[in-house]
């Protein structure tokens, strides 16, 4: 139960940068996928 409350508190405090963090995470996933598929293109 404490972990859930901690995650909720962190989400409330970082509401301003949550969208930027999500965009950064999505960019990292795209880079990872492209990097893993790059040898297939060469």
C-alpha atoms as a PDB file:
ATOM      1  CA  UNK A   1       0.000   0.000   0.000  1.00  0.00           C
ATOM      2  CA  UNK A   2       2.837   2.397   0.760  1.00  0.00           C
ATOM      3  CA  UNK A   3       4.352   1.918  -2.680  1.00  0.00           C
ATOM      4  CA  UNK A   4       1.127   2.943  -4.398  1.00  0.00           C
ATOM      5  CA  UNK A   5       0.868   6.061  -2.264  1.00  0.00           C
ATOM      6  CA  UNK A   6       4.484   6.932  -3.020  1.00  0.00           C
ATOM      7  CA  UNK A   7       3.939   6.562  -6.770  1.00  0.00           C
ATOM      8  CA  UNK A   8       0.824   8.741  -6.574  1.00  0.00           C
ATOM      9  CA  UNK A   9       2.701  11.420  -4.632  1.00  0.00           C
ATOM     10  CA  UNK A  10       5.530  11.416  -7.168  1.00  0.00           C
ATOM     11  CA  UNK A  11       3.044  11.696 -10.035  1.00  0.00           C
ATOM     12  CA  UNK A  12       1.381  14.702  -8.376  1.00  0.00           C
ATOM     13  CA  UNK A  13       4.699  16.467  -7.820  1.00  0.00           C
ATOM     14  CA  UNK A  14       5.991  15.865 -11.353  1.00  0.00           C
ATOM     15  CA  UNK A  15       2.793  16.820 -13.189  1.00  0.00           C
ATOM     16  CA  UNK A  16       4.628  19.636 -15.020  1.00  0.00           C
ATOM     17  CA  UNK A  17       7.282  17.400 -16.567  1.00  0.00           C
ATOM     18  CA  UNK A  18       5.240  14.239 -17.003  1.00  0.00           C
ATOM     19  CA  UNK A  19       4.575  14.878 -20.705  1.00  0.00           C
ATOM     20  CA  UNK A  20       8.247  15.603 -21.378  1.00  0.00           C
ATOM     21  CA  UNK A  21       9.284  12.449 -19.556  1.00  0.00           C
ATOM     22  CA  UNK A  22       6.793  10.380 -21.567  1.00  0.00           C
ATOM     23  CA  UNK A  23       8.091  11.886 -24.813  1.00  0.00           C
ATOM     24  CA  UNK A  24      11.656  11.092 -23.782  1.00  0.00           C
ATOM     25  CA  UNK A  25      10.756   7.513 -22.926  1.00  0.00           C
ATOM     26  CA  UNK A  26       8.979   7.114 -26.278  1.00  0.00           C
ATOM     27  CA  UNK A  27      12.045   8.489 -28.076  1.00  0.00           C
ATOM     28  CA  UNK A  28      14.268   5.989 -26.280  1.00  0.00           C
ATOM     29  CA  UNK A  29      11.979   3.131 -27.312  1.00  0.00           C
ATOM     30  CA  UNK A  30      12.074   4.303 -30.943  1.00  0.00           C
ATOM     31  CA  UNK A  31      15.867   4.517 -30.851  1.00  0.00           C
ATOM     32  CA  UNK A  32      16.061   1.014 -29.368  1.00  0.00           C
ATOM     33  CA  UNK A  33      13.728  -0.492 -31.969  1.00  0.00           C
ATOM     34  CA  UNK A  34      15.510   1.213 -34.866  1.00  0.00           C
ATOM     35  CA  UNK A  35      18.890   0.175 -33.483  1.00  0.00           C
ATOM     36  CA  UNK A  36      17.815  -3.445 -33.181  1.00  0.00           C
ATOM     37  CA  UNK A  37      16.407  -3.514 -36.725  1.00  0.00           C
ATOM     38  CA  UNK A  38      19.324  -1.629 -38.306  1.00  0.00           C
ATOM     39  CA  UNK A  39      21.365  -4.760 -39.148  1.00  0.00           C
ATOM     40  CA  UNK A  40      18.439  -6.046 -41.227  1.00  0.00           C
ATOM     41  CA  UNK A  41      18.663  -2.976 -43.464  1.00  0.00           C
ATOM     42  CA  UNK A  42      22.397  -3.234 -44.121  1.00  0.00           C
END
